[in-house]
């Protein structure tokens, strides 16, 4: 279904602002769509009895109309108003699990729009346990139809910022209720018959339902026949998928899985909290098991890079696997790999809690493929693998030059959203600093602005500000940029280089930058020869590419270096060609520059 923006900007509401919550509820009753938190994932809510409002939800998500929505309520007394029958089986599950992460499918009443149920005579009913959701739903006063608040097919959002990433301008407001507790959508159980049928697994497990029934009733899992309208979200279409290709890495047989009975996690998503030296604390048996678990990730990563040396790989894995990569000290492998570690490798509750945010984080890093930890077993493992399997639905071969799908425009976070802020700077150097290095500075500034905000790749609560400047080995201070290069950059980007003045490279300039990139190899050699103590942060564009495994070969198999001729004295077309070539190289090097500086996109 085609999406069309309705608002200039979607309102972000603090959960403590009661008047704003009431305002959002009033707008929902009047046909608007509002994103709100639940203990599972964020929902995209509308009045379940208003067919036009339901259409707006489908339009905002780009969701197929034959995919039913779940009705959310604040009080069990509302159930009788939206269903025509509550079976004894349904009543047992209502009494045992509501409020909580469960949806119960029952026969609908006429008060629910058939658009909500995709034409079915049944409706899924859910009562969230999230306190903010409960307050908001009470203010609404009507059953609220709500799918997950993401663009159709994308990973479900477990935080308000992720909702804004997909929905800014398409819905009236988003209520920020913090991170969702469980991270996976609710368990959906069809209770219209004598036996419960699990349509979608979730945090309420099959074992949980068996314990409640205690009468020998078998819990049946459901599959969907061709052409059948799904009775629950998540049954028919490819769901939860990032733009990157996802591959599942299976654990070796016999690996002990923990956390099946845990509900969510008190931890937080991390990138490298488990240090490589911690491996020494493991017993021989634990270390052997860990190597077995990590090996599929390492072997597959190397296989991908052998086929495409420009591929970028994301890992959704445990802290220990990240530490194993660090211990390898393979600089090329590390340069091409982005990590999102959820906690202890075998803890399925942590893996479930952070799955969608992890996929989204790695997607923002624009990796080509995500290798994600898989789990075998019962309980929460079933729900986790249900989502991960659907996320890995793409089967395209990873090849160089494969076009990427369009990505949504991200909504930047203000710098005060972080507890602390780090800074880093990159310096571009050529000879005269009026043409090539000035062009690189201008282009890099635009790339940095386009891709912000940034976060430290080791500290989740630390924002990252990145600066960029340029200098010349033989430059005269205060000269304006070459007019033809200024014109070329303006034609290429819409912005010129008026703010840049040339300056001479010197030790003070080198000291205040964390990464120094020269346009040509000989310029890097000259800097290192004069100041060998800074050799670890000095590269030419060509040697920086090679150090990160970005090696191009000509038709005879010889390695090609980045060659950027000086366009001085040539015609304007030469300047424009040079600017385009530098832009292409900087776009290729950009994620590796971020990694070298210690930053990630967020």
Protein backbone atom coordinates (compact mmCIF):
# COMPACT_ATOMS: atom_id res chain seq x y z
CA UNK A 1 0.00 0.00 0.00
CA UNK A 2 1.39 3.41 -1.02
CA UNK A 3 2.60 5.70 1.76
CA UNK A 4 1.92 9.44 1.80
CA UNK A 5 3.23 11.86 4.42
CA UNK A 6 0.49 13.64 6.35
CA UNK A 7 2.51 15.80 8.76
CA UNK A 8 5.61 17.94 8.54
CA UNK A 9 6.86 16.26 11.71
CA UNK A 10 5.50 13.65 14.08
CA UNK A 11 5.14 14.81 17.70
CA UNK A 12 7.32 13.02 20.29
CA UNK A 13 5.50 12.80 23.64
CA UNK A 14 7.16 12.22 27.01
CA UNK A 15 5.38 9.50 28.97
CA UNK A 16 5.20 11.75 32.06
CA UNK A 17 3.25 14.44 30.18
CA UNK A 18 -0.33 13.51 31.11
CA UNK A 19 -1.91 16.36 29.13
CA UNK A 20 -0.01 15.31 26.01
CA UNK A 21 -1.13 11.69 26.54
CA UNK A 22 -4.75 12.85 26.78
CA UNK A 23 -4.28 14.98 23.65
CA UNK A 24 -2.87 11.97 21.75
CA UNK A 25 -5.82 9.84 22.93
CA UNK A 26 -8.29 12.47 21.74
CA UNK A 27 -6.62 12.64 18.33
CA UNK A 28 -6.75 8.84 18.12
CA UNK A 29 -10.51 8.87 18.84
CA UNK A 30 -10.84 11.46 16.05
CA UNK A 31 -9.21 9.18 13.51
CA UNK A 32 -5.48 9.90 13.92
CA UNK A 33 -2.72 7.31 14.29
CA UNK A 34 -0.45 7.28 17.37
CA UNK A 35 2.65 5.21 18.15
CA UNK A 36 2.74 3.92 21.73
CA UNK A 37 4.94 1.63 23.86
CA UNK A 38 4.08 -1.84 25.08
CA UNK A 39 6.09 -4.44 26.98
CA UNK A 40 6.69 -6.37 23.73
CA UNK A 41 7.29 -3.80 20.96
CA UNK A 42 5.90 -0.38 20.07
CA UNK A 43 2.46 -0.33 18.45
CA UNK A 44 0.84 1.89 15.81
CA UNK A 45 -2.61 2.59 17.22
CA UNK A 46 -5.96 3.73 15.83
CA UNK A 47 -9.64 3.38 16.75
CA UNK A 48 -10.47 -0.27 15.97
CA UNK A 49 -14.03 0.65 15.03
CA UNK A 50 -13.06 3.40 12.56
CA UNK A 51 -12.43 1.95 9.11
CA UNK A 52 -10.86 5.16 7.76
CA UNK A 53 -8.41 5.26 10.69
CA UNK A 54 -7.52 1.61 10.08
CA UNK A 55 -6.76 2.49 6.46
CA UNK A 56 -4.36 5.19 7.69
CA UNK A 57 -2.45 2.57 9.71
CA UNK A 58 -2.11 0.35 6.65
CA UNK A 59 -0.98 3.33 4.59
CA UNK A 60 1.57 4.48 7.19
CA UNK A 61 3.11 1.01 7.37
CA UNK A 62 2.79 0.18 3.67
CA UNK A 63 1.07 -2.95 5.01
CA UNK A 64 -0.96 -5.45 2.89
CA UNK A 65 -4.68 -5.16 3.63
CA UNK A 66 -5.07 -8.93 4.21
CA UNK A 67 -2.91 -8.80 7.35
CA UNK A 68 -5.16 -8.43 10.45
CA UNK A 69 -4.55 -6.00 13.31
CA UNK A 70 -4.69 -6.77 17.03
CA UNK A 71 -7.11 -4.90 19.33
CA UNK A 72 -5.48 -3.45 22.47
CA UNK A 73 -7.52 -2.78 25.60
CA UNK A 74 -6.92 -1.25 29.03
CA UNK A 75 -9.48 -3.32 30.95
CA UNK A 76 -10.71 -6.91 30.67
CA UNK A 77 -14.28 -5.60 30.79
CA UNK A 78 -13.75 -4.24 27.27
CA UNK A 79 -13.36 -7.75 25.86
CA UNK A 80 -17.10 -8.46 25.85
CA UNK A 81 -17.66 -5.37 23.69
CA UNK A 82 -15.38 -6.53 20.87
CA UNK A 83 -15.93 -10.30 20.80
CA UNK A 84 -19.13 -12.30 20.33
CA UNK A 85 -17.96 -15.32 22.31
CA UNK A 86 -15.42 -16.04 25.04
CA UNK A 87 -14.79 -19.78 25.15
CA UNK A 88 -13.83 -21.48 28.44
CA UNK A 89 -10.39 -22.01 26.93
CA UNK A 90 -10.04 -18.31 26.16
CA UNK A 91 -11.21 -17.38 29.65
CA UNK A 92 -8.50 -19.54 31.25
CA UNK A 93 -5.79 -17.80 29.26
CA UNK A 94 -7.29 -14.36 29.91
CA UNK A 95 -7.32 -15.03 33.64
CA UNK A 96 -3.76 -16.39 33.62
CA UNK A 97 -1.87 -14.10 31.24
CA UNK A 98 -3.69 -10.78 30.90
CA UNK A 99 -2.31 -8.20 31.23
CA UNK A 100 0.83 -9.50 29.57
CA UNK A 101 2.55 -10.44 26.31
CA UNK A 102 -0.27 -12.58 24.89
CA UNK A 103 -2.93 -12.05 22.20
CA UNK A 104 -6.02 -14.24 22.26
CA UNK A 105 -7.99 -14.76 19.05
CA UNK A 106 -11.77 -14.98 19.53
CA UNK A 107 -14.92 -14.50 17.43
CA UNK A 108 -15.39 -10.77 16.73
CA UNK A 109 -18.41 -8.59 17.38
CA UNK A 110 -19.86 -6.10 14.91
CA UNK A 111 -18.23 -3.18 16.76
CA UNK A 112 -14.85 -4.03 15.23
CA UNK A 113 -14.25 -2.89 11.66
CA UNK A 114 -13.79 -5.72 9.16
CA UNK A 115 -10.79 -3.76 7.88
CA UNK A 116 -9.20 -4.33 11.30
CA UNK A 117 -9.62 -8.10 11.00
CA UNK A 118 -8.82 -8.28 7.24
CA UNK A 119 -12.35 -9.59 6.62
CA UNK A 120 -12.08 -12.45 9.12
CA UNK A 121 -14.81 -13.24 11.67
CA UNK A 122 -12.17 -13.41 14.42
CA UNK A 123 -10.19 -10.74 16.24
CA UNK A 124 -6.99 -10.81 18.29
CA UNK A 125 -7.32 -9.15 21.71
CA UNK A 126 -4.42 -8.03 23.85
CA UNK A 127 -4.08 -6.18 27.17
CA UNK A 128 -0.53 -4.81 27.54
CA UNK A 129 1.15 -4.77 30.95
CA UNK A 130 3.24 -1.68 30.14
CA UNK A 131 2.10 1.08 32.55
CA UNK A 132 2.32 3.84 29.91
CA UNK A 133 0.35 1.77 27.42
CA UNK A 134 -2.29 1.10 30.07
CA UNK A 135 -2.67 4.82 30.90
CA UNK A 136 -2.84 5.79 27.23
CA UNK A 137 -5.40 3.09 26.39
CA UNK A 138 -7.59 4.19 29.31
CA UNK A 139 -7.53 7.75 28.01
CA UNK A 140 -8.48 6.47 24.55
CA UNK A 141 -11.58 4.77 25.90
CA UNK A 142 -11.98 2.65 22.75
CA UNK A 143 -10.34 -0.60 21.61
CA UNK A 144 -7.15 0.37 19.82
CA UNK A 145 -6.16 -1.61 16.72
CA UNK A 146 -2.39 -1.69 16.47
CA UNK A 147 0.28 -3.56 14.54
CA UNK A 148 3.96 -3.03 15.36
CA UNK A 149 5.01 0.57 14.61
CA UNK A 150 7.49 -0.13 11.81
CA UNK A 151 7.52 0.09 8.05
CA UNK A 152 5.99 -3.17 6.79
CA UNK A 153 8.59 -5.92 6.62
CA UNK A 154 11.19 -4.06 8.70
CA UNK A 155 12.35 -5.05 12.22
CA UNK A 156 9.78 -4.14 14.85
CA UNK A 157 10.67 -1.08 16.99
CA UNK A 158 11.42 -1.45 20.70
CA UNK A 159 12.14 2.26 21.28
CA UNK A 160 10.53 5.57 20.28
CA UNK A 161 13.47 6.65 18.10
CA UNK A 162 13.07 3.55 15.92
CA UNK A 163 9.38 4.40 15.46
CA UNK A 164 10.30 7.91 14.34
CA UNK A 165 12.88 6.47 11.95
CA UNK A 166 10.12 4.70 10.01
CA UNK A 167 7.07 6.85 10.77
CA UNK A 168 8.13 10.51 11.08
CA UNK A 169 5.58 12.56 9.12
CA UNK A 170 3.20 9.65 8.56
CA UNK A 171 1.50 9.57 11.99
CA UNK A 172 0.32 12.20 14.50
CA UNK A 173 2.51 11.34 17.50
CA UNK A 174 4.80 8.82 19.20
CA UNK A 175 4.72 8.29 22.97
CA UNK A 176 8.19 7.63 24.39
CA UNK A 177 7.84 4.96 27.07
CA UNK A 178 11.46 3.77 27.08
CA UNK A 179 12.74 0.43 25.82
CA UNK A 180 10.29 -2.45 25.53
CA UNK A 181 10.80 -5.19 28.11
CA UNK A 182 10.57 -8.33 25.96
CA UNK A 183 11.66 -7.17 22.49
CA UNK A 184 9.52 -9.74 20.61
CA UNK A 185 5.86 -9.39 19.69
CA UNK A 186 3.18 -11.08 21.78
CA UNK A 187 2.32 -14.76 21.64
CA UNK A 188 -0.86 -15.18 19.55
CA UNK A 189 -3.18 -18.05 20.50
CA UNK A 190 -6.37 -18.98 18.63
CA UNK A 191 -8.97 -19.95 21.24
CA UNK A 192 -12.02 -20.25 18.99
CA UNK A 193 -11.97 -24.05 19.15
CA UNK A 194 -11.52 -26.71 21.82
CA UNK A 195 -7.75 -26.72 21.54
CA UNK A 196 -5.47 -23.67 21.66
CA UNK A 197 -3.55 -23.03 18.45
CA UNK A 198 -0.35 -20.97 18.66
CA UNK A 199 -0.39 -18.73 15.60
CA UNK A 200 2.73 -16.81 16.59
CA UNK A 201 5.20 -17.77 19.36
CA UNK A 202 6.30 -15.20 21.90
CA UNK A 203 7.34 -14.69 25.53
CA UNK A 204 4.36 -16.71 26.77
CA UNK A 205 5.63 -20.13 25.74
CA UNK A 206 3.95 -23.38 24.90
CA UNK A 207 5.14 -24.75 28.26
CA UNK A 208 3.54 -21.78 30.04
CA UNK A 209 0.20 -22.50 28.37
CA UNK A 210 0.44 -26.23 29.11
CA UNK A 211 1.01 -25.50 32.80
CA UNK A 212 -2.11 -23.34 32.97
CA UNK A 213 -4.43 -25.76 31.19
CA UNK A 214 -3.40 -28.85 33.21
CA UNK A 215 -6.03 -31.02 31.57
CA UNK A 216 -4.16 -32.82 28.85
CA UNK A 217 -5.15 -30.41 26.08
CA UNK A 218 -2.52 -30.32 23.34
CA UNK A 219 -1.18 -26.96 22.20
CA UNK A 220 -1.06 -26.97 18.41
CA UNK A 221 1.20 -24.79 16.27
CA UNK A 222 -0.39 -23.38 13.12
CA UNK A 223 0.78 -23.13 9.53
CA UNK A 224 -0.79 -21.16 6.70
CA UNK A 225 -2.15 -22.71 3.52
CA UNK A 226 -1.57 -21.04 0.15
CA UNK A 227 -4.13 -18.31 -0.46
CA UNK A 228 -5.38 -18.33 3.12
CA UNK A 229 -5.86 -15.03 4.95
CA UNK A 230 -3.60 -15.04 8.02
CA UNK A 231 -5.41 -15.12 11.37
CA UNK A 232 -2.50 -13.37 13.04
CA UNK A 233 0.17 -10.83 12.08
CA UNK A 234 3.50 -12.41 11.21
CA UNK A 235 2.10 -15.55 9.57
CA UNK A 236 2.09 -14.78 5.84
CA UNK A 237 4.60 -12.13 4.82
CA UNK A 238 8.31 -11.74 5.20
CA UNK A 239 8.71 -9.79 8.43
CA UNK A 240 11.32 -8.28 10.71
CA UNK A 241 13.84 -7.94 7.87
CA UNK A 242 16.58 -5.30 7.76
CA UNK A 243 17.83 -4.05 4.41
CA UNK A 244 20.93 -6.23 4.79
CA UNK A 245 20.81 -9.92 3.99
CA UNK A 246 20.53 -12.01 7.17
CA UNK A 247 22.14 -15.42 7.69
CA UNK A 248 21.59 -17.61 10.75
CA UNK A 249 24.63 -19.10 12.48
CA UNK A 250 23.64 -22.32 14.28
CA UNK A 251 25.11 -23.41 17.60
CA UNK A 252 26.91 -26.76 17.75
CA UNK A 253 24.75 -29.65 18.90
CA UNK A 254 24.68 -30.02 22.68
CA UNK A 255 25.39 -26.34 23.46
CA UNK A 256 23.66 -25.38 26.69
CA UNK A 257 21.16 -22.56 26.21
CA UNK A 258 20.21 -20.34 29.15
CA UNK A 259 17.46 -17.85 29.80
CA UNK A 260 14.48 -19.72 28.33
CA UNK A 261 12.36 -18.88 31.35
CA UNK A 262 13.61 -15.32 31.68
CA UNK A 263 11.32 -12.45 30.76
CA UNK A 264 13.41 -9.85 29.00
CA UNK A 265 16.75 -8.61 30.28
CA UNK A 266 18.09 -6.09 32.74
CA UNK A 267 21.13 -5.63 30.55
CA UNK A 268 21.58 -3.33 27.58
CA UNK A 269 22.85 -3.77 24.11
CA UNK A 270 26.62 -3.53 24.07
CA UNK A 271 29.44 -3.52 21.58
CA UNK A 272 32.44 -5.11 23.19
CA UNK A 273 31.83 -5.23 26.96
CA UNK A 274 33.33 -8.73 27.18
CA UNK A 275 37.09 -8.24 26.99
CA UNK A 276 39.40 -10.62 25.16
CA UNK A 277 41.38 -11.18 28.37
CA UNK A 278 38.21 -12.58 29.98
CA UNK A 279 38.67 -15.66 27.79
CA UNK A 280 41.50 -16.67 30.12
CA UNK A 281 38.97 -17.14 32.93
CA UNK A 282 37.10 -19.85 31.05
CA UNK A 283 37.67 -23.53 31.81
CA UNK A 284 39.13 -25.66 29.02
CA UNK A 285 35.70 -27.14 28.34
CA UNK A 286 34.06 -23.69 28.20
CA UNK A 287 36.81 -22.35 25.94
CA UNK A 288 36.44 -25.31 23.56
CA UNK A 289 32.67 -24.80 23.39
CA UNK A 290 33.15 -21.10 22.71
CA UNK A 291 35.57 -21.75 19.85
CA UNK A 292 33.01 -24.15 18.34
CA UNK A 293 30.30 -21.48 18.59
CA UNK A 294 32.48 -18.72 17.14
CA UNK A 295 33.99 -20.76 14.30
CA UNK A 296 30.93 -20.60 11.99
CA UNK A 297 30.93 -16.79 12.26
CA UNK A 298 34.65 -16.53 11.52
CA UNK A 299 34.65 -19.02 8.65
CA UNK A 300 31.59 -17.47 7.00
CA UNK A 301 33.00 -13.93 7.38
CA UNK A 302 36.22 -14.94 5.66
CA UNK A 303 34.30 -16.75 2.93
CA UNK A 304 32.24 -13.62 2.21
CA UNK A 305 35.34 -11.43 2.03
CA UNK A 306 37.10 -13.90 -0.25
CA UNK A 307 34.25 -13.51 -2.74
CA UNK A 308 33.82 -9.76 -2.30
CA UNK A 309 36.69 -7.83 -0.64
CA UNK A 310 34.42 -4.75 -0.43
CA UNK A 311 31.68 -6.50 1.58
CA UNK A 312 30.81 -5.20 5.04
CA UNK A 313 29.58 -7.73 7.60
CA UNK A 314 27.43 -7.26 10.68
CA UNK A 315 27.45 -9.71 13.59
CA UNK A 316 24.52 -10.09 15.98
CA UNK A 317 26.21 -12.30 18.51
CA UNK A 318 27.29 -12.80 22.11
CA UNK A 319 30.01 -10.82 23.87
CA UNK A 320 32.35 -13.81 23.89
CA UNK A 321 32.23 -14.15 20.11
CA UNK A 322 33.15 -10.49 19.78
CA UNK A 323 36.09 -11.21 22.10
CA UNK A 324 37.16 -14.17 19.94
CA UNK A 325 37.31 -11.86 16.90
CA UNK A 326 39.39 -9.40 18.89
CA UNK A 327 41.73 -12.19 19.95
CA UNK A 328 42.33 -13.17 16.31
CA UNK A 329 43.81 -9.70 15.71
CA UNK A 330 42.88 -9.96 12.03
CA UNK A 331 42.90 -6.29 11.02
CA UNK A 332 41.22 -6.84 7.65
CA UNK A 333 38.44 -8.97 9.14
CA UNK A 334 37.95 -6.46 11.94
CA UNK A 335 37.81 -3.50 9.54
CA UNK A 336 34.96 -5.12 7.58
CA UNK A 337 32.97 -6.24 10.63
CA UNK A 338 30.45 -4.32 12.74
CA UNK A 339 29.36 -5.91 16.02
CA UNK A 340 26.18 -5.78 18.02
CA UNK A 341 26.60 -7.99 21.08
CA UNK A 342 23.54 -8.79 23.19
CA UNK A 343 25.16 -10.38 26.27
CA UNK A 344 26.31 -13.91 27.04
CA UNK A 345 26.30 -15.97 23.86
CA UNK A 346 23.99 -18.73 25.11
CA UNK A 347 21.44 -16.41 26.79
CA UNK A 348 18.36 -16.54 24.56
CA UNK A 349 16.42 -14.05 26.71
CA UNK A 350 19.06 -11.35 26.11
CA UNK A 351 19.26 -12.26 22.42
CA UNK A 352 15.46 -11.97 22.14
CA UNK A 353 15.30 -8.73 24.09
CA UNK A 354 17.72 -6.94 21.76
CA UNK A 355 17.07 -8.73 18.44
CA UNK A 356 15.12 -6.03 16.60
CA UNK A 357 17.22 -3.15 17.90
CA UNK A 358 20.34 -5.13 17.01
CA UNK A 359 19.18 -5.70 13.43
CA UNK A 360 18.29 -2.03 13.14
CA UNK A 361 21.66 -0.91 14.55
CA UNK A 362 23.61 -3.07 12.10
CA UNK A 363 21.40 -1.88 9.26
CA UNK A 364 22.21 1.75 10.08
CA UNK A 365 25.91 0.83 9.69
CA UNK A 366 24.96 -0.14 6.11
CA UNK A 367 26.45 -3.61 6.25
CA UNK A 368 25.79 -5.95 3.32
CA UNK A 369 25.10 -9.08 5.33
CA UNK A 370 24.23 -9.80 8.96
CA UNK A 371 25.37 -13.05 10.58
CA UNK A 372 23.02 -13.65 13.49
CA UNK A 373 23.18 -16.15 16.35
CA UNK A 374 20.67 -18.97 16.11
CA UNK A 375 19.24 -21.10 18.94
CA UNK A 376 17.78 -24.58 19.05
CA UNK A 377 15.44 -25.74 21.77
CA UNK A 378 12.04 -25.00 23.25
CA UNK A 379 10.57 -22.07 25.17
CA UNK A 380 11.71 -18.59 24.19
CA UNK A 381 14.09 -20.06 21.60
CA UNK A 382 11.06 -20.90 19.44
CA UNK A 383 9.85 -17.29 19.40
CA UNK A 384 13.36 -15.95 18.78
CA UNK A 385 13.95 -18.29 15.85
CA UNK A 386 10.50 -17.55 14.44
CA UNK A 387 11.45 -13.87 14.09
CA UNK A 388 15.03 -14.47 12.99
CA UNK A 389 13.98 -16.99 10.33
CA UNK A 390 11.53 -14.49 8.87
CA UNK A 391 14.23 -11.79 8.95
CA UNK A 392 16.53 -14.04 6.92
CA UNK A 393 13.99 -14.48 4.14
CA UNK A 394 16.14 -12.84 1.46
CA UNK A 395 18.23 -15.32 -0.52
CA UNK A 396 20.02 -13.02 -2.99
CA UNK A 397 23.66 -13.89 -3.56
CA UNK A 398 25.97 -11.30 -2.01
CA UNK A 399 27.88 -9.86 -4.96
CA UNK A 400 29.91 -6.69 -5.52
CA UNK A 401 27.79 -3.88 -6.89
CA UNK A 402 24.44 -5.41 -5.89
CA UNK A 403 22.01 -2.45 -5.61
CA UNK A 404 20.76 -1.73 -2.12
CA UNK A 405 17.10 -0.89 -1.44
CA UNK A 406 16.19 2.66 -0.47
CA UNK A 407 16.62 3.32 3.23
CA UNK A 408 14.37 5.58 5.30
CA UNK A 409 15.68 8.98 6.34
CA UNK A 410 16.84 8.75 9.95
CA UNK A 411 15.71 11.17 12.61
CA UNK A 412 18.83 12.58 14.33
CA UNK A 413 19.10 12.43 18.10
CA UNK A 414 20.08 15.64 19.89
CA UNK A 415 23.52 15.50 21.48
CA UNK A 416 21.96 15.97 24.94
CA UNK A 417 20.30 12.58 24.52
CA UNK A 418 23.65 11.05 25.56
CA UNK A 419 25.19 11.06 29.03
CA UNK A 420 28.60 11.99 27.68
CA UNK A 421 30.20 13.09 24.42
CA UNK A 422 33.49 12.17 22.75
CA UNK A 423 35.11 13.96 19.84
CA UNK A 424 37.42 12.98 17.01
CA UNK A 425 38.81 14.71 13.93
CA UNK A 426 40.13 13.73 10.51
CA UNK A 427 42.64 15.81 8.55
CA UNK A 428 43.09 15.75 4.76
CA UNK A 429 46.49 16.81 3.40
CA UNK A 430 47.82 17.59 -0.07
CA UNK A 431 50.41 20.15 -1.22
CA UNK A 432 48.73 23.55 -1.68
CA UNK A 433 45.40 23.00 0.16
CA UNK A 434 43.37 24.98 -2.37
CA UNK A 435 42.15 22.08 -4.52
CA UNK A 436 42.29 18.38 -3.62
CA UNK A 437 42.49 18.36 0.19
CA UNK A 438 40.04 21.27 0.39
CA UNK A 439 37.67 19.28 -1.82
CA UNK A 440 38.03 16.25 0.49
CA UNK A 441 37.27 18.41 3.54
CA UNK A 442 34.13 19.83 1.94
CA UNK A 443 32.86 16.44 0.79
CA UNK A 444 33.60 14.77 4.12
CA UNK A 445 31.79 17.48 6.06
CA UNK A 446 28.66 16.81 4.02
CA UNK A 447 28.95 13.04 4.56
CA UNK A 448 29.37 13.53 8.30
CA UNK A 449 26.31 15.78 8.43
CA UNK A 450 24.23 13.43 6.30
CA UNK A 451 24.99 10.38 8.44
CA UNK A 452 24.82 11.90 11.94
CA UNK A 453 24.24 11.27 14.80
CA UNK A 454 27.12 9.08 15.97
CA UNK A 455 27.79 7.07 19.08
CA UNK A 456 30.93 5.62 20.62
CA UNK A 457 31.39 2.04 19.42
CA UNK A 458 32.36 0.96 22.94
CA UNK A 459 30.05 3.07 25.15
CA UNK A 460 26.31 3.06 24.42
CA UNK A 461 25.55 6.24 26.35
CA UNK A 462 28.35 8.32 24.80
CA UNK A 463 27.61 10.47 21.78
CA UNK A 464 30.32 11.16 19.23
CA UNK A 465 31.06 14.43 17.46
CA UNK A 466 33.33 14.17 14.41
CA UNK A 467 35.16 17.10 12.89
CA UNK A 468 37.01 17.48 9.61
CA UNK A 469 39.69 19.88 8.31
CA UNK A 470 42.43 20.12 5.71
CA UNK A 471 45.95 21.47 5.28
CA UNK A 472 48.80 21.56 2.76
CA UNK A 473 52.48 20.60 3.03
CA UNK A 474 53.56 23.68 1.05
CA UNK A 475 50.41 25.79 1.43
CA UNK A 476 50.28 29.53 2.08
CA UNK A 477 47.87 30.48 4.86
CA UNK A 478 44.58 32.22 4.04
CA UNK A 479 44.20 31.50 0.31
CA UNK A 480 40.76 30.90 -1.18
CA UNK A 481 39.98 27.56 -2.84
CA UNK A 482 40.64 27.09 -6.54
CA UNK A 483 37.56 28.64 -8.27
CA UNK A 484 37.14 25.69 -10.65
CA UNK A 485 37.26 23.16 -7.81
CA UNK A 486 34.79 25.29 -5.87
CA UNK A 487 32.48 25.27 -8.89
CA UNK A 488 32.88 21.50 -9.31
CA UNK A 489 32.04 20.80 -5.66
CA UNK A 490 29.07 23.15 -5.90
CA UNK A 491 27.77 21.32 -8.98
CA UNK A 492 28.29 17.96 -7.31
CA UNK A 493 26.80 18.74 -3.89
CA UNK A 494 24.93 22.03 -4.16
CA UNK A 495 27.38 23.64 -1.72
CA UNK A 496 30.70 25.27 -2.49
CA UNK A 497 33.90 25.67 -0.45
CA UNK A 498 33.53 29.32 0.60
CA UNK A 499 34.18 28.55 4.26
CA UNK A 500 37.55 26.91 3.60
CA UNK A 501 40.87 28.78 3.63
CA UNK A 502 44.23 27.19 3.00
CA UNK A 503 46.72 26.66 5.82
CA UNK A 504 50.16 25.15 6.22
CA UNK A 505 50.43 21.69 7.77
CA UNK A 506 52.52 21.67 10.95
CA UNK A 507 53.01 19.60 14.13
CA UNK A 508 50.21 21.45 15.98
CA UNK A 509 47.76 20.60 13.19
CA UNK A 510 48.83 16.95 13.21
CA UNK A 511 48.53 16.69 17.01
CA UNK A 512 44.92 17.83 17.16
CA UNK A 513 43.69 15.28 14.60
CA UNK A 514 43.07 11.59 15.20
CA UNK A 515 43.37 10.42 11.60
CA UNK A 516 45.48 11.99 8.85
CA UNK A 517 44.70 11.11 5.22
CA UNK A 518 46.87 12.42 2.41
CA UNK A 519 45.73 12.54 -1.19
CA UNK A 520 48.90 10.86 -2.51
CA UNK A 521 51.24 8.21 -1.17
CA UNK A 522 54.35 10.40 -1.28
CA UNK A 523 52.66 13.00 0.95
CA UNK A 524 52.03 10.40 3.66
CA UNK A 525 55.62 9.17 3.40
CA UNK A 526 56.89 12.75 3.81
CA UNK A 527 54.84 13.28 6.99
CA UNK A 528 55.89 9.97 8.55
CA UNK A 529 59.55 10.60 7.68
CA UNK A 530 59.43 14.00 9.40
CA UNK A 531 57.31 12.84 12.36
CA UNK A 532 57.72 9.06 12.83
CA UNK A 533 55.98 9.20 16.24
CA UNK A 534 52.58 9.73 14.52
CA UNK A 535 53.00 7.02 11.87
CA UNK A 536 50.10 4.94 13.23
CA UNK A 537 47.55 7.61 12.32
CA UNK A 538 48.95 8.70 8.94
CA UNK A 539 47.76 7.10 5.70
CA UNK A 540 47.34 8.07 2.11
CA UNK A 541 43.87 7.40 0.68
CA UNK A 542 45.42 4.45 -1.12
CA UNK A 543 47.22 2.92 1.88
CA UNK A 544 44.16 3.46 4.11
CA UNK A 545 42.05 1.54 1.59
CA UNK A 546 44.65 -1.26 1.44
CA UNK A 547 44.95 -1.41 5.25
CA UNK A 548 41.21 -2.07 5.37
CA UNK A 549 41.28 -4.75 2.69
CA UNK A 550 39.78 -2.55 -0.03
CA UNK A 551 42.03 -3.74 -2.81
CA UNK A 552 41.23 -3.18 -6.48
CA UNK A 553 43.02 -5.03 -9.28
CA UNK A 554 43.35 -4.23 -12.94
CA UNK A 555 42.65 -6.64 -15.79
CA UNK A 556 46.10 -8.20 -15.41
CA UNK A 557 45.59 -8.84 -11.68
CA UNK A 558 47.91 -6.10 -10.44
CA UNK A 559 46.85 -4.11 -7.37
CA UNK A 560 45.70 -0.60 -8.28
CA UNK A 561 46.31 2.37 -6.01
CA UNK A 562 44.07 5.43 -5.69
CA UNK A 563 45.50 7.87 -8.19
CA UNK A 564 44.19 11.44 -8.05
CA UNK A 565 45.86 13.74 -10.58
CA UNK A 566 46.13 17.47 -9.86
CA UNK A 567 43.62 19.21 -12.16
CA UNK A 568 45.40 22.60 -11.91
CA UNK A 569 45.64 24.22 -15.32
CA UNK A 570 43.20 21.78 -16.89
CA UNK A 571 39.67 22.50 -18.12
CA UNK A 572 36.61 22.55 -15.87
CA UNK A 573 35.50 19.04 -16.89
CA UNK A 574 38.76 17.70 -15.43
CA UNK A 575 38.00 19.41 -12.12
CA UNK A 576 34.49 17.96 -12.08
CA UNK A 577 35.79 14.48 -12.90
CA UNK A 578 38.35 14.77 -10.08
CA UNK A 579 35.72 15.91 -7.57
CA UNK A 580 33.46 13.01 -8.53
CA UNK A 581 36.34 10.53 -8.18
CA UNK A 582 37.24 11.85 -4.71
CA UNK A 583 33.60 11.72 -3.66
CA UNK A 584 33.31 8.10 -4.79
CA UNK A 585 36.43 7.10 -2.85
CA UNK A 586 35.36 8.94 0.29
CA UNK A 587 31.93 7.30 0.19
CA UNK A 588 33.65 3.91 -0.02
CA UNK A 589 36.06 4.75 2.81
CA UNK A 590 33.50 6.50 5.03
CA UNK A 591 32.45 3.53 7.24
CA UNK A 592 36.11 2.57 7.72
CA UNK A 593 36.98 6.14 8.71
CA UNK A 594 34.20 6.02 11.32
CA UNK A 595 35.51 2.72 12.64
CA UNK A 596 39.09 4.03 12.80
CA UNK A 597 37.87 7.02 14.83
CA UNK A 598 35.88 4.78 17.21
CA UNK A 599 32.39 5.86 16.12
CA UNK A 600 29.23 4.16 14.88
CA UNK A 601 26.08 5.54 13.31
CA UNK A 602 22.99 5.42 15.47
